[in-house]
Amino acid sequence: MAVRIRLKKMGRKHRPFFRLCAVDSRRPRDGKVIEELGYYDPMVPETDARAILNADRIQYWLGVGAQPTEKAAVLIRKYGPNGTHLEKQREALERLKSQRRRPTSMTPPAATKDAPSTAPSASEEGATEPAATEDTAATS
């Protein structure tokens, strides 16, 4: 059996997503795979953070004779076991993580779209209730 390492297209219309897979060469592009070795998302804004590969498994499949396609070979050369862009990839992933954290910390927790702005807050409601119970206790 001839094994190829190639990209399996997934995602939806205008939103591609690819998995790097070890596949029998006679199978169709999006058919049954032997093993998934990583993924490539071309829609990620950071170029070096687009591909995440399992270096150990790629090394195994290359060692037993699997042949990568041209596009898969480029990804393996850059982000594989001895990749040329591994340090850039780590930096890009860190930048993406910090960008995700920043917007959530800047929004105040009380400002939500679901809560109406004219409704009294819980502290205002709690302040009026004890006063009402004291008035009724004093009149009894």
C-alpha atoms as a PDB file:
ATOM      1  CA  MET A   1       0.000   0.000   0.000  1.00  0.00           C
ATOM      2  CA  ALA A   2       1.396   3.393  -1.022  1.00  0.00           C
ATOM      3  CA  VAL A   3       0.810   5.965   1.724  1.00  0.00           C
ATOM      4  CA  ARG A   4       0.685   9.663   0.958  1.00  0.00           C
ATOM      5  CA  ILE A   5       0.715  12.576   3.378  1.00  0.00           C
ATOM      6  CA  ARG A   6      -1.743  15.069   1.965  1.00  0.00           C
ATOM      7  CA  LEU A   7      -4.295  17.739   2.808  1.00  0.00           C
ATOM      8  CA  LYS A   8      -7.936  16.811   3.330  1.00  0.00           C
ATOM      9  CA  LYS A   9     -10.254  19.744   2.604  1.00  0.00           C
ATOM     10  CA  MET A  10     -12.923  20.522   5.168  1.00  0.00           C
ATOM     11  CA  GLY A  11     -14.801  23.613   6.299  1.00  0.00           C
ATOM     12  CA  ARG A  12     -17.564  25.316   4.347  1.00  0.00           C
ATOM     13  CA  LYS A  13     -17.991  27.612   1.391  1.00  0.00           C
ATOM     14  CA  HIS A  14     -15.579  30.578   1.567  1.00  0.00           C
ATOM     15  CA  ARG A  15     -14.136  29.230   4.848  1.00  0.00           C
ATOM     16  CA  PRO A  16     -11.605  26.496   3.984  1.00  0.00           C
ATOM     17  CA  PHE A  17      -9.933  24.327   6.567  1.00  0.00           C
ATOM     18  CA  PHE A  18      -7.490  21.488   5.908  1.00  0.00           C
ATOM     19  CA  ARG A  19      -6.269  18.471   7.846  1.00  0.00           C
ATOM     20  CA  LEU A  20      -2.886  16.956   7.143  1.00  0.00           C
ATOM     21  CA  CYS A  21      -3.462  13.209   6.907  1.00  0.00           C
ATOM     22  CA  ALA A  22      -1.735   9.943   6.119  1.00  0.00           C
ATOM     23  CA  VAL A  23      -3.906   8.380   3.404  1.00  0.00           C
ATOM     24  CA  ASP A  24      -3.815   5.393   1.073  1.00  0.00           C
ATOM     25  CA  SER A  25      -2.926   6.917  -2.305  1.00  0.00           C
ATOM     26  CA  ARG A  26      -5.907   5.199  -4.001  1.00  0.00           C
ATOM     27  CA  ARG A  27      -8.450   6.938  -1.739  1.00  0.00           C
ATOM     28  CA  PRO A  28     -10.281  10.135  -2.792  1.00  0.00           C
ATOM     29  CA  ARG A  29      -9.098  13.514  -1.466  1.00  0.00           C
ATOM     30  CA  ASP A  30     -11.719  13.751   1.265  1.00  0.00           C
ATOM     31  CA  GLY A  31     -12.082  10.012   1.835  1.00  0.00           C
ATOM     32  CA  LYS A  32     -11.123   7.708   4.677  1.00  0.00           C
ATOM     33  CA  VAL A  33      -7.743   8.441   6.245  1.00  0.00           C
ATOM     34  CA  ILE A  34      -5.263   6.264   8.106  1.00  0.00           C
ATOM     35  CA  GLU A  35      -4.245   8.961  10.593  1.00  0.00           C
ATOM     36  CA  GLU A  36      -4.624  12.711  11.036  1.00  0.00           C
ATOM     37  CA  LEU A  37      -1.274  14.414  11.539  1.00  0.00           C
ATOM     38  CA  GLY A  38      -2.242  18.048  12.061  1.00  0.00           C
ATOM     39  CA  TYR A  39      -4.240  20.868  10.540  1.00  0.00           C
ATOM     40  CA  TYR A  40      -3.871  23.998   8.421  1.00  0.00           C
ATOM     41  CA  ASP A  41      -6.292  26.922   8.698  1.00  0.00           C
ATOM     42  CA  PRO A  42      -5.598  29.538   5.988  1.00  0.00           C
ATOM     43  CA  MET A  43      -8.058  31.994   7.546  1.00  0.00           C
ATOM     44  CA  VAL A  44      -5.911  32.655  10.652  1.00  0.00           C
ATOM     45  CA  PRO A  45      -4.522  36.221  10.428  1.00  0.00           C
ATOM     46  CA  GLU A  46      -1.037  35.275  11.669  1.00  0.00           C
ATOM     47  CA  THR A  47       0.699  33.477   8.778  1.00  0.00           C
ATOM     48  CA  ASP A  48       2.991  31.390  10.972  1.00  0.00           C
ATOM     49  CA  ALA A  49       0.150  30.275  13.269  1.00  0.00           C
ATOM     50  CA  ARG A  50      -1.895  28.684  10.487  1.00  0.00           C
ATOM     51  CA  ALA A  51      -0.427  25.176  10.658  1.00  0.00           C
ATOM     52  CA  ILE A  52      -0.284  22.959  13.755  1.00  0.00           C
ATOM     53  CA  LEU A  53       1.417  19.625  13.090  1.00  0.00           C
ATOM     54  CA  ASN A  54       2.163  16.511  15.161  1.00  0.00           C
ATOM     55  CA  ALA A  55       5.911  16.248  14.540  1.00  0.00           C
ATOM     56  CA  ASP A  56       6.350  12.777  16.083  1.00  0.00           C
ATOM     57  CA  ARG A  57       3.731  11.141  13.874  1.00  0.00           C
ATOM     58  CA  ILE A  58       4.935  12.933  10.751  1.00  0.00           C
ATOM     59  CA  GLN A  59       8.460  11.693  11.466  1.00  0.00           C
ATOM     60  CA  TYR A  60       7.096   8.144  11.835  1.00  0.00           C
ATOM     61  CA  TRP A  61       5.191   8.205   8.544  1.00  0.00           C
ATOM     62  CA  LEU A  62       8.140   9.690   6.654  1.00  0.00           C
ATOM     63  CA  GLY A  63      10.341   6.999   8.219  1.00  0.00           C
ATOM     64  CA  VAL A  64       8.159   4.159   6.935  1.00  0.00           C
ATOM     65  CA  GLY A  65       8.114   5.576   3.407  1.00  0.00           C
ATOM     66  CA  ALA A  66       5.057   7.831   3.146  1.00  0.00           C
ATOM     67  CA  GLN A  67       5.418  10.433   0.408  1.00  0.00           C
ATOM     68  CA  PRO A  68       4.082  13.968   1.042  1.00  0.00           C
ATOM     69  CA  THR A  69       2.344  15.944  -1.704  1.00  0.00           C
ATOM     70  CA  GLU A  70       3.899  19.242  -2.786  1.00  0.00           C
ATOM     71  CA  LYS A  71       1.744  21.397  -0.485  1.00  0.00           C
ATOM     72  CA  ALA A  72       2.136  18.995   2.439  1.00  0.00           C
ATOM     73  CA  ALA A  73       5.911  18.958   1.913  1.00  0.00           C
ATOM     74  CA  VAL A  74       5.999  22.757   2.205  1.00  0.00           C
ATOM     75  CA  LEU A  75       4.081  22.643   5.506  1.00  0.00           C
ATOM     76  CA  ILE A  76       6.310  19.842   6.834  1.00  0.00           C
ATOM     77  CA  ARG A  77       9.451  21.719   5.814  1.00  0.00           C
ATOM     78  CA  LYS A  78       8.291  24.848   7.654  1.00  0.00           C
ATOM     79  CA  TYR A  79       6.437  23.466  10.699  1.00  0.00           C
ATOM     80  CA  GLY A  80       7.376  19.780  10.855  1.00  0.00           C
ATOM     81  CA  PRO A  81       9.923  17.955  13.050  1.00  0.00           C
ATOM     82  CA  ASN A  82      12.933  20.069  12.025  1.00  0.00           C
ATOM     83  CA  GLY A  83      10.946  23.009  10.675  1.00  0.00           C
ATOM     84  CA  THR A  84      12.503  26.250   9.554  1.00  0.00           C
ATOM     85  CA  HIS A  85       9.699  28.418  11.008  1.00  0.00           C
ATOM     86  CA  LEU A  86       9.142  26.789  14.406  1.00  0.00           C
ATOM     87  CA  GLU A  87      10.352  29.806  16.418  1.00  0.00           C
ATOM     88  CA  LYS A  88       8.228  32.181  14.328  1.00  0.00           C
ATOM     89  CA  GLN A  89       5.277  29.843  14.851  1.00  0.00           C
ATOM     90  CA  ARG A  90       5.669  29.959  18.647  1.00  0.00           C
ATOM     91  CA  GLU A  91       5.824  33.759  18.574  1.00  0.00           C
ATOM     92  CA  ALA A  92       2.755  33.992  16.327  1.00  0.00           C
ATOM     93  CA  LEU A  93       0.761  31.650  18.591  1.00  0.00           C
ATOM     94  CA  GLU A  94       1.688  33.756  21.639  1.00  0.00           C
ATOM     95  CA  ARG A  95       0.546  36.935  19.847  1.00  0.00           C
ATOM     96  CA  LEU A  96      -2.779  35.302  18.999  1.00  0.00           C
ATOM     97  CA  LYS A  97      -3.293  34.204  22.614  1.00  0.00           C
ATOM     98  CA  SER A  98      -2.584  37.694  23.928  1.00  0.00           C
ATOM     99  CA  GLN A  99      -4.971  39.250  21.378  1.00  0.00           C
ATOM    100  CA  ARG A 100      -7.754  36.914  22.502  1.00  0.00           C
ATOM    101  CA  ARG A 101      -7.295  37.804  26.171  1.00  0.00           C
ATOM    102  CA  ARG A 102      -7.125  41.576  25.713  1.00  0.00           C
ATOM    103  CA  PRO A 103     -10.658  42.372  24.412  1.00  0.00           C
ATOM    104  CA  THR A 104     -12.409  40.345  27.117  1.00  0.00           C
ATOM    105  CA  SER A 105     -10.572  42.129  29.939  1.00  0.00           C
ATOM    106  CA  MET A 106     -11.393  45.596  28.550  1.00  0.00           C
ATOM    107  CA  THR A 107     -15.180  45.150  28.610  1.00  0.00           C
ATOM    108  CA  PRO A 108     -16.771  45.834  32.002  1.00  0.00           C
ATOM    109  CA  PRO A 109     -18.723  42.877  33.406  1.00  0.00           C
ATOM    110  CA  ALA A 110     -21.871  44.931  34.146  1.00  0.00           C
ATOM    111  CA  ALA A 111     -22.197  46.241  30.588  1.00  0.00           C
ATOM    112  CA  THR A 112     -24.042  43.470  28.820  1.00  0.00           C
ATOM    113  CA  LYS A 113     -26.517  43.685  25.959  1.00  0.00           C
ATOM    114  CA  ASP A 114     -29.030  41.426  27.703  1.00  0.00           C
ATOM    115  CA  ALA A 115     -29.453  43.521  30.853  1.00  0.00           C
ATOM    116  CA  PRO A 116     -31.720  46.576  30.380  1.00  0.00           C
ATOM    117  CA  SER A 117     -30.141  49.841  31.508  1.00  0.00           C
ATOM    118  CA  THR A 118     -33.312  51.201  33.143  1.00  0.00           C
ATOM    119  CA  ALA A 119     -33.843  48.262  35.513  1.00  0.00           C
ATOM    120  CA  PRO A 120     -32.738  48.886  39.110  1.00  0.00           C
ATOM    121  CA  SER A 121     -29.650  47.022  40.180  1.00  0.00           C
ATOM    122  CA  ALA A 122     -29.720  44.278  42.808  1.00  0.00           C
ATOM    123  CA  SER A 123     -28.231  46.603  45.435  1.00  0.00           C
ATOM    124  CA  GLU A 124     -30.992  49.193  44.892  1.00  0.00           C
ATOM    125  CA  GLU A 125     -33.708  46.540  45.118  1.00  0.00           C
ATOM    126  CA  GLY A 126     -32.168  45.076  48.267  1.00  0.00           C
ATOM    127  CA  ALA A 127     -32.001  48.529  49.880  1.00  0.00           C
ATOM    128  CA  THR A 128     -35.720  49.199  49.369  1.00  0.00           C
ATOM    129  CA  GLU A 129     -36.998  45.852  50.631  1.00  0.00           C
ATOM    130  CA  PRO A 130     -35.640  45.981  54.203  1.00  0.00           C
ATOM    131  CA  ALA A 131     -37.039  49.473  54.616  1.00  0.00           C
ATOM    132  CA  ALA A 132     -40.476  48.254  53.559  1.00  0.00           C
ATOM    133  CA  THR A 133     -40.360  45.361  56.006  1.00  0.00           C
ATOM    134  CA  GLU A 134     -39.332  47.690  58.860  1.00  0.00           C
ATOM    135  CA  ASP A 135     -42.226  50.025  58.093  1.00  0.00           C
ATOM    136  CA  THR A 136     -44.722  47.175  58.179  1.00  0.00           C
ATOM    137  CA  ALA A 137     -43.204  45.858  61.421  1.00  0.00           C
ATOM    138  CA  ALA A 138     -43.461  49.299  63.037  1.00  0.00           C
ATOM    139  CA  THR A 139     -47.122  49.686  62.099  1.00  0.00           C
ATOM    140  CA  SER A 140     -48.146  46.288  63.440  1.00  0.00           C
END
